[in-house]
Amino acid sequence: MKREPHRFDDENIKKQLKQMPTIEDHQTKDELYRKISPHVSKPASKKKRTWFAPAVATCAVLLLLALILPTVMLNSNQGSAPLNDSADQAESSGEKANESSEETTSEDAQPEGAEESESQQENPSHDSLKKEPDASSQAEDGGEASFSEDAGPQLNSHVVTSSEEGAVQVAFPEPSGQYVVPVTLQSDSDAQKSLIDILNEGVEEYVQPETLGLLEFMLEGFTFSVDESGKTARITAPEGFSSQGSSADVLFVDSVQSMFSSTVVEEVALKDNQGNPLVLGNYGELTSLTVEKEERAAYKIFQANNETPQLLIPIKADYREVSEAIEELKESESQNKIYPSIPEQIAINDINAAEDSVTIQFNDAQDWEANQEILNMVESILMTVKAFGYEEVVFESPGRSQIGPYDLTGSISVPSNPNPID
């Protein structure tokens, strides 16, 4: 039997609704509120931020441009001619490459003299220091002699030439307490009398050792005098003086030796304030010291820190020959702030000592730069040779013909004193 389709007219719908079972909700209002309140108070989910990733990428691009553009502009300004039109700076990378190629071609086309001028600014040639003034004229004010040319670096000499009179040498211990460092003051009067005057007035009135990275003067408070012949000096200790230990006693004696080594004084008499011999620990009762004119020392480089100047420091040892001391100049005592004065790259082939001079033969394949390191080497060798009683040094096959005030093509007289200061 074929069923008739449902007719969803209003009457039929009402009839069907009345036939539905009765549904009753026994929940209270409070229960219904508790059930629906979490859904009502829950915040609407945030809309996905589709702009975040593009924004980050844009910031990264801007940051890269900020880092790269100054470098590109700097390189462009160092070229042959600056760009006048700001629009030209925004051209493609291919045009920048063409500019670089043109700059290279321009450099290749420069005259030979211009190439040499640029080379001298980076590594000064032999001619750059040939007309430097004599060290004695530069050190008249008591400071380090400085030498400079337009194309070369400023170099500081660490010695006083033998032609200068009135050099007054004093000495201070270095911080490790093993060595003393000689320091030279300048004076226009007689060297011995100037030394005695300075010692009696107080050395630290003239030089502050802490500015040099050195310890205080060992003989502060002592009184000094010299006899009429000038050959004998007298040192009297202050009241209450006593030995401070064997190391301090050695520094005391070394300081006395250093101060009088470059004078005509041959003997130093020592006594306490009562007129008795001076008692110095391991030395016992010390009545006098014979001044050693030849200290047989190797002069290296001392520098306490980057704030203090470089100084030549004599390292005494049982050297049998001057060649042994010169070889010692290659060794370091960095724990004591003492450094080699001959650079590693410098090769010495032979050392020959004659009656009054020492000849040092270098590897003729080497080139020396006109810098402070090479000047330090030359002057440390000169002072080391002087410490063995020689008067001249000949540098054979040096890596350049001139360094500072020194003509390396002939013999060089040894200096008189180390470490001139202001």
Protein backbone atom coordinates (compact mmCIF):
# COMPACT_ATOMS: atom_id res chain seq x y z
CA MET A 1 0.00 0.00 0.00
CA LYS A 2 1.38 3.30 -1.03
CA ARG A 3 1.91 5.75 1.87
CA GLU A 4 0.88 9.29 1.49
CA PRO A 5 3.55 11.81 1.97
CA HIS A 6 3.54 13.83 5.23
CA ARG A 7 1.89 17.12 5.01
CA PHE A 8 3.71 19.61 7.18
CA ASP A 9 0.93 22.13 7.48
CA ASP A 10 0.33 24.03 10.66
CA GLU A 11 -2.42 21.74 11.92
CA ASN A 12 -0.40 18.62 11.40
CA ILE A 13 2.64 20.09 13.16
CA LYS A 14 0.57 21.12 16.19
CA LYS A 15 -0.93 17.66 16.37
CA GLN A 16 2.48 15.99 16.29
CA LEU A 17 3.88 18.32 18.95
CA LYS A 18 1.05 17.44 21.31
CA GLN A 19 1.85 13.76 20.90
CA MET A 20 5.50 14.24 22.10
CA PRO A 21 6.35 13.05 25.60
CA THR A 22 6.44 15.56 28.38
CA ILE A 23 9.99 16.71 29.37
CA GLU A 24 10.59 18.40 32.66
CA ASP A 25 13.86 20.00 33.87
CA HIS A 26 14.22 19.73 37.62
CA GLN A 27 17.52 21.76 37.79
CA THR A 28 17.52 24.90 39.83
CA LYS A 29 18.56 28.26 38.46
CA ASP A 30 21.82 28.14 40.43
CA GLU A 31 22.77 24.78 38.93
CA LEU A 32 22.09 26.03 35.42
CA TYR A 33 24.17 29.16 36.06
CA ARG A 34 27.16 27.16 37.29
CA LYS A 35 27.04 25.01 34.15
CA ILE A 36 26.88 27.83 31.64
CA SER A 37 29.02 30.48 33.42
CA PRO A 38 32.45 29.00 32.33
CA HIS A 39 31.36 29.19 28.71
CA VAL A 40 30.08 32.72 29.08
CA SER A 41 33.27 34.10 30.84
CA LYS A 42 35.83 32.36 28.59
CA PRO A 43 37.52 35.02 26.40
CA ALA A 44 37.20 34.77 22.74
CA SER A 45 40.18 33.12 21.11
CA LYS A 46 42.62 35.55 19.65
CA LYS A 47 42.66 35.97 16.01
CA LYS A 48 45.78 34.54 14.44
CA ARG A 49 48.31 37.23 13.69
CA THR A 50 49.17 36.71 10.10
CA TRP A 51 51.35 39.89 10.06
CA PHE A 52 53.96 38.65 12.59
CA ALA A 53 56.31 36.69 10.28
CA PRO A 54 56.49 39.41 7.58
CA ALA A 55 57.22 42.03 10.24
CA VAL A 56 60.14 40.02 11.64
CA ALA A 57 61.55 39.50 8.15
CA THR A 58 61.29 43.23 7.41
CA CYS A 59 63.16 44.11 10.64
CA ALA A 60 65.92 41.65 9.79
CA VAL A 61 66.37 43.20 6.32
CA LEU A 62 66.54 46.71 7.80
CA LEU A 63 69.13 45.58 10.35
CA LEU A 64 71.32 44.03 7.65
CA LEU A 65 71.10 47.20 5.58
CA ALA A 66 72.12 49.29 8.61
CA LEU A 67 75.22 47.12 9.05
CA ILE A 68 76.23 46.84 5.40
CA LEU A 69 75.54 50.33 4.02
CA PRO A 70 78.15 52.22 6.16
CA THR A 71 80.86 49.76 5.05
CA VAL A 72 79.87 50.09 1.40
CA MET A 73 79.84 53.89 1.64
CA LEU A 74 83.23 53.94 3.42
CA ASN A 75 84.82 51.77 0.75
CA SER A 76 83.31 53.99 -1.92
CA ASN A 77 84.71 57.14 -0.25
CA GLN A 78 88.21 55.61 -0.24
CA GLY A 79 88.12 55.18 -4.02
CA SER A 80 89.41 57.60 -6.63
CA ALA A 81 86.48 60.11 -6.46
CA PRO A 82 83.40 60.46 -4.20
CA LEU A 83 79.93 60.08 -5.74
CA ASN A 84 78.22 63.43 -6.06
CA ASP A 85 74.69 62.36 -6.87
CA SER A 86 72.90 60.51 -4.03
CA ALA A 87 70.86 58.60 -6.56
CA ASP A 88 74.02 56.99 -7.91
CA GLN A 89 74.59 55.32 -4.52
CA ALA A 90 71.53 53.14 -5.04
CA GLU A 91 72.77 51.49 -8.21
CA SER A 92 72.94 47.73 -8.63
CA SER A 93 75.66 45.49 -7.22
CA GLY A 94 76.91 44.89 -10.73
CA GLU A 95 77.77 48.59 -11.14
CA LYS A 96 79.59 48.53 -7.78
CA ALA A 97 81.70 45.69 -9.08
CA ASN A 98 82.53 47.81 -12.15
CA GLU A 99 83.62 50.67 -9.87
CA SER A 100 85.93 48.29 -7.98
CA SER A 101 87.45 47.16 -11.27
CA GLU A 102 88.00 50.78 -12.34
CA GLU A 103 89.73 51.57 -9.03
CA THR A 104 92.10 48.64 -9.53
CA THR A 105 92.92 49.87 -13.03
CA SER A 106 93.51 53.37 -11.66
CA GLU A 107 95.93 52.05 -9.04
CA ASP A 108 97.85 50.10 -11.66
CA ALA A 109 98.18 53.26 -13.71
CA GLN A 110 99.71 55.33 -10.89
CA PRO A 111 103.28 56.54 -11.37
CA GLU A 112 106.02 54.46 -9.84
CA GLY A 113 106.89 57.26 -7.40
CA ALA A 114 103.37 57.25 -5.97
CA GLU A 115 103.64 53.50 -5.32
CA GLU A 116 106.89 54.04 -3.43
CA SER A 117 105.33 56.82 -1.36
CA GLU A 118 102.49 54.53 -0.24
CA SER A 119 104.94 51.74 0.49
CA GLN A 120 107.01 54.06 2.69
CA GLN A 121 103.96 54.92 4.77
CA GLU A 122 103.37 51.26 5.60
CA ASN A 123 107.01 50.06 5.76
CA PRO A 124 109.38 53.06 5.74
CA SER A 125 112.27 52.59 3.35
CA HIS A 126 115.96 53.16 3.99
CA ASP A 127 115.72 56.80 2.91
CA SER A 128 112.93 57.63 5.37
CA LEU A 129 115.32 57.88 8.35
CA LYS A 130 118.61 58.92 6.74
CA LYS A 131 118.40 62.58 7.78
CA GLU A 132 117.49 62.11 11.41
CA PRO A 133 119.12 64.41 13.97
CA ASP A 134 121.91 63.32 16.26
CA ALA A 135 120.79 61.76 19.54
CA SER A 136 122.79 64.22 21.66
CA SER A 137 120.85 67.23 20.34
CA GLN A 138 117.54 65.48 21.09
CA ALA A 139 118.39 64.45 24.67
CA GLU A 140 119.56 67.84 25.97
CA ASP A 141 116.35 68.29 27.95
CA GLY A 142 116.96 65.06 29.87
CA GLY A 143 114.27 63.05 28.09
CA GLU A 144 114.39 60.16 25.68
CA ALA A 145 115.67 61.18 22.28
CA SER A 146 112.88 60.94 19.70
CA PHE A 147 113.39 60.51 15.98
CA SER A 148 110.70 60.83 13.34
CA GLU A 149 110.18 61.59 9.69
CA ASP A 150 106.97 62.38 7.82
CA ALA A 151 106.81 58.85 6.40
CA GLY A 152 108.19 56.96 9.39
CA PRO A 153 107.19 56.19 12.98
CA GLN A 154 108.48 58.10 15.98
CA LEU A 155 111.32 56.19 17.65
CA ASN A 156 112.58 56.70 21.20
CA SER A 157 116.24 56.25 22.04
CA HIS A 158 117.05 54.57 25.36
CA VAL A 159 120.67 55.69 25.66
CA VAL A 160 122.78 58.80 26.22
CA THR A 161 125.59 59.30 23.72
CA SER A 162 129.20 59.42 24.91
CA SER A 163 129.55 63.02 23.70
CA GLU A 164 127.08 64.28 26.30
CA GLU A 165 128.54 65.59 29.56
CA GLY A 166 126.76 65.91 32.87
CA ALA A 167 124.91 62.59 32.75
CA VAL A 168 123.94 61.51 36.26
CA GLN A 169 123.12 57.84 36.67
CA VAL A 170 121.08 56.48 39.58
CA ALA A 171 119.48 53.06 40.00
CA PHE A 172 116.22 51.55 41.29
CA PRO A 173 115.22 47.92 41.95
CA GLU A 174 112.65 46.34 39.66
CA PRO A 175 109.60 44.69 41.28
CA SER A 176 110.95 41.12 41.37
CA GLY A 177 113.82 42.30 43.58
CA GLN A 178 116.49 40.55 41.49
CA TYR A 179 117.92 43.39 39.40
CA VAL A 180 118.47 47.14 39.47
CA VAL A 181 117.58 49.40 36.56
CA PRO A 182 119.90 52.36 35.85
CA VAL A 183 118.19 55.68 35.11
CA THR A 184 120.05 58.71 33.73
CA LEU A 185 119.33 62.34 34.62
CA GLN A 186 120.86 65.21 32.66
CA SER A 187 122.99 68.00 34.14
CA ASP A 188 125.07 70.82 32.70
CA SER A 189 127.64 70.74 35.51
CA ASP A 190 130.34 68.24 36.46
CA ALA A 191 128.91 64.69 36.52
CA GLN A 192 130.34 63.66 39.90
CA LYS A 193 129.34 66.80 41.78
CA SER A 194 125.92 66.72 40.17
CA LEU A 195 125.52 63.13 41.27
CA ILE A 196 126.53 63.93 44.85
CA ASP A 197 124.20 66.94 44.96
CA ILE A 198 121.27 64.94 43.65
CA LEU A 199 121.92 62.06 46.05
CA ASN A 200 122.06 64.40 49.07
CA GLU A 201 118.99 66.36 48.03
CA GLY A 202 117.04 63.15 47.48
CA VAL A 203 116.84 61.21 44.24
CA GLU A 204 113.06 61.02 44.36
CA GLU A 205 112.93 64.81 44.18
CA TYR A 206 114.09 64.38 40.58
CA VAL A 207 112.45 61.14 39.49
CA GLN A 208 109.45 59.18 40.77
CA PRO A 209 110.30 55.47 40.37
CA GLU A 210 106.67 54.35 40.48
CA THR A 211 106.03 56.13 37.17
CA LEU A 212 108.71 53.88 35.65
CA GLY A 213 107.34 50.70 37.23
CA LEU A 214 110.29 50.54 39.68
CA LEU A 215 110.68 50.34 43.47
CA GLU A 216 111.93 53.09 45.77
CA PHE A 217 115.57 54.20 45.88
CA MET A 218 117.65 51.91 48.12
CA LEU A 219 119.90 54.68 49.54
CA GLU A 220 117.31 57.31 50.42
CA GLY A 221 118.40 59.16 53.57
CA PHE A 222 122.11 58.34 53.19
CA THR A 223 124.68 61.16 52.95
CA PHE A 224 127.27 61.31 50.16
CA SER A 225 130.56 63.07 49.57
CA VAL A 226 133.64 62.79 47.35
CA ASP A 227 137.27 63.59 48.13
CA GLU A 228 139.32 66.28 46.38
CA SER A 229 140.80 63.85 43.88
CA GLY A 230 137.34 62.72 42.84
CA LYS A 231 138.50 59.11 42.97
CA THR A 232 136.91 58.14 46.29
CA ALA A 233 133.30 58.63 47.34
CA ARG A 234 131.97 58.25 50.88
CA ILE A 235 128.55 56.98 51.85
CA THR A 236 127.21 57.28 55.41
CA ALA A 237 124.10 55.40 56.53
CA PRO A 238 121.35 57.19 58.49
CA GLU A 239 120.70 56.45 62.15
CA GLY A 240 118.84 53.18 62.66
CA PHE A 241 119.90 51.63 59.35
CA SER A 242 120.12 47.83 59.35
CA SER A 243 120.34 45.06 56.80
CA GLN A 244 116.99 44.07 55.29
CA GLY A 245 118.12 40.60 54.23
CA SER A 246 120.50 39.07 51.73
CA SER A 247 118.44 40.00 48.63
CA ALA A 248 118.12 43.62 49.73
CA ASP A 249 121.85 43.74 50.49
CA VAL A 250 122.68 42.58 46.95
CA LEU A 251 120.38 45.26 45.52
CA PHE A 252 122.06 47.85 47.76
CA VAL A 253 125.54 46.96 46.49
CA ASP A 254 124.36 46.76 42.87
CA SER A 255 122.78 50.22 43.20
CA VAL A 256 126.05 51.70 44.46
CA GLN A 257 128.01 50.01 41.66
CA SER A 258 125.56 51.24 39.02
CA MET A 259 125.59 54.84 40.22
CA PHE A 260 129.38 55.22 40.13
CA SER A 261 130.20 52.95 37.17
CA SER A 262 130.04 55.79 34.64
CA THR A 263 132.04 58.26 36.78
CA VAL A 264 135.77 58.55 37.58
CA VAL A 265 135.13 57.31 41.12
CA GLU A 266 137.17 54.15 41.70
CA GLU A 267 136.29 53.34 45.32
CA VAL A 268 133.32 53.93 47.62
CA ALA A 269 133.84 54.02 51.41
CA LEU A 270 130.89 52.82 53.50
CA LYS A 271 130.17 53.51 57.19
CA ASP A 272 127.28 53.83 59.61
CA ASN A 273 126.37 57.08 61.39
CA GLN A 274 128.86 56.24 64.16
CA GLY A 275 131.77 55.96 61.74
CA ASN A 276 131.89 52.15 61.92
CA PRO A 277 131.97 49.80 58.91
CA LEU A 278 128.55 49.18 57.41
CA VAL A 279 127.12 45.76 58.31
CA LEU A 280 125.35 44.12 55.38
CA GLY A 281 124.18 40.58 56.11
CA ASN A 282 126.15 38.11 53.98
CA TYR A 283 128.75 40.79 53.21
CA GLY A 284 129.54 41.19 56.88
CA GLU A 285 131.30 44.43 57.84
CA LEU A 286 131.72 46.34 54.63
CA THR A 287 134.22 49.20 54.70
CA SER A 288 134.52 49.91 50.96
CA LEU A 289 133.55 48.80 47.46
CA THR A 290 135.73 48.84 44.37
CA VAL A 291 133.72 50.30 41.49
CA GLU A 292 133.38 47.87 38.59
CA LYS A 293 133.69 49.71 35.28
CA GLU A 294 132.98 46.55 33.32
CA GLU A 295 129.82 44.98 34.66
CA ARG A 296 129.63 42.14 32.08
CA ALA A 297 125.88 42.33 31.65
CA ALA A 298 123.36 41.64 28.89
CA TYR A 299 120.98 44.57 28.38
CA LYS A 300 117.40 43.40 27.79
CA ILE A 301 114.07 45.23 27.77
CA PHE A 302 112.10 45.84 30.98
CA GLN A 303 108.52 47.13 30.99
CA ALA A 304 106.39 46.82 34.10
CA ASN A 305 103.08 47.36 32.26
CA ASN A 306 101.55 49.14 29.29
CA GLU A 307 101.37 52.40 31.25
CA THR A 308 105.14 52.56 31.93
CA PRO A 309 108.00 53.13 29.46
CA GLN A 310 110.39 50.52 28.13
CA LEU A 311 113.78 50.55 29.85
CA LEU A 312 117.09 48.81 29.25
CA ILE A 313 117.93 46.49 32.14
CA PRO A 314 121.37 44.92 32.71
CA ILE A 315 121.24 41.19 33.47
CA LYS A 316 124.49 40.18 35.16
CA ALA A 317 125.82 36.64 34.88
CA ASP A 318 129.09 34.75 34.56
CA TYR A 319 129.50 35.48 30.86
CA ARG A 320 132.96 34.46 29.66
CA GLU A 321 132.71 36.40 26.38
CA VAL A 322 130.61 39.18 24.93
CA SER A 323 129.16 36.76 22.37
CA GLU A 324 127.49 34.81 25.19
CA ALA A 325 125.86 37.99 26.50
CA ILE A 326 124.63 38.95 23.02
CA GLU A 327 123.09 35.49 22.58
CA GLU A 328 121.38 35.99 25.95
CA LEU A 329 119.55 39.00 24.47
CA LYS A 330 117.26 36.51 22.68
CA GLU A 331 116.00 35.03 25.97
CA SER A 332 112.91 36.16 27.90
CA GLU A 333 112.08 36.43 31.60
CA SER A 334 108.47 37.42 31.07
CA GLN A 335 107.53 36.45 34.63
CA ASN A 336 109.74 39.38 35.73
CA LYS A 337 108.54 41.67 32.91
CA ILE A 338 111.93 41.30 31.20
CA TYR A 339 111.82 40.66 27.47
CA PRO A 340 114.33 39.79 24.73
CA SER A 341 115.84 42.73 22.85
CA ILE A 342 116.75 40.71 19.74
CA PRO A 343 113.58 39.69 17.86
CA GLU A 344 113.08 36.04 16.90
CA GLN A 345 113.21 36.82 13.18
CA ILE A 346 116.71 38.35 13.39
CA ALA A 347 119.48 35.84 12.62
CA ILE A 348 123.07 36.47 13.73
CA ASN A 349 125.62 34.48 11.78
CA ASP A 350 128.79 35.39 13.66
CA ILE A 351 130.20 37.59 16.47
CA ASN A 352 133.87 38.58 16.43
CA ALA A 353 135.52 40.59 19.21
CA ALA A 354 138.75 42.48 18.47
CA GLU A 355 140.83 44.72 20.72
CA ASP A 356 138.40 47.65 21.02
CA SER A 357 135.46 46.67 18.82
CA VAL A 358 132.93 43.92 18.24
CA THR A 359 131.71 42.92 14.76
CA ILE A 360 128.29 41.31 14.47
CA GLN A 361 127.42 39.62 11.18
CA PHE A 362 123.75 39.30 10.33
CA ASN A 363 121.93 37.24 7.74
CA ASP A 364 122.09 39.47 4.65
CA ALA A 365 118.82 38.05 3.30
CA GLN A 366 116.81 39.83 5.99
CA ASP A 367 115.02 43.16 5.80
CA TRP A 368 114.64 45.22 8.97
CA GLU A 369 111.71 47.52 9.52
CA ALA A 370 112.38 51.01 10.86
CA ASN A 371 110.54 50.44 14.13
CA GLN A 372 111.11 50.68 17.87
CA GLU A 373 111.86 46.96 18.18
CA ILE A 374 114.88 47.22 15.85
CA LEU A 375 116.14 50.41 17.52
CA ASN A 376 115.88 48.67 20.91
CA MET A 377 117.94 45.78 19.53
CA VAL A 378 120.70 48.06 18.24
CA GLU A 379 120.94 50.02 21.50
CA SER A 380 120.81 46.94 23.72
CA ILE A 381 123.70 45.45 21.74
CA LEU A 382 125.66 48.72 22.07
CA MET A 383 125.16 48.80 25.86
CA THR A 384 126.00 45.09 26.19
CA VAL A 385 129.23 45.56 24.25
CA LYS A 386 130.07 48.57 26.44
CA ALA A 387 129.54 46.43 29.56
CA PHE A 388 132.46 44.26 28.39
CA GLY A 389 134.81 47.21 27.91
CA TYR A 390 134.61 47.57 24.12
CA GLU A 391 134.29 50.97 22.45
CA GLU A 392 132.77 50.31 19.03
CA VAL A 393 130.34 47.99 17.25
CA VAL A 394 130.26 47.10 13.55
CA PHE A 395 127.02 45.70 12.10
CA GLU A 396 127.80 43.61 9.00
CA SER A 397 125.01 42.96 6.48
CA PRO A 398 122.31 44.67 8.53
CA GLY A 399 118.76 44.62 7.24
CA ARG A 400 118.83 48.39 6.60
CA SER A 401 121.41 51.16 6.40
CA GLN A 402 119.91 53.54 8.98
CA ILE A 403 117.85 53.20 12.15
CA GLY A 404 117.11 56.16 14.41
CA PRO A 405 120.35 58.18 14.75
CA TYR A 406 122.58 55.26 13.78
CA ASP A 407 124.32 54.81 10.44
CA LEU A 408 124.62 51.03 10.27
CA THR A 409 127.06 51.09 7.37
CA GLY A 410 130.03 52.00 9.59
CA SER A 411 131.31 51.54 13.13
CA ILE A 412 129.20 52.94 15.99
CA SER A 413 130.64 54.21 19.28
CA VAL A 414 129.08 52.76 22.40
CA PRO A 415 126.83 55.07 24.48
CA SER A 416 127.75 56.40 27.90
CA ASN A 417 124.54 55.76 29.88
CA PRO A 418 121.16 54.02 29.52
CA ASN A 419 117.60 55.19 30.06
CA PRO A 420 117.55 59.00 29.89
CA ILE A 421 114.31 60.35 31.37
CA ASP A 422 112.43 63.65 31.43
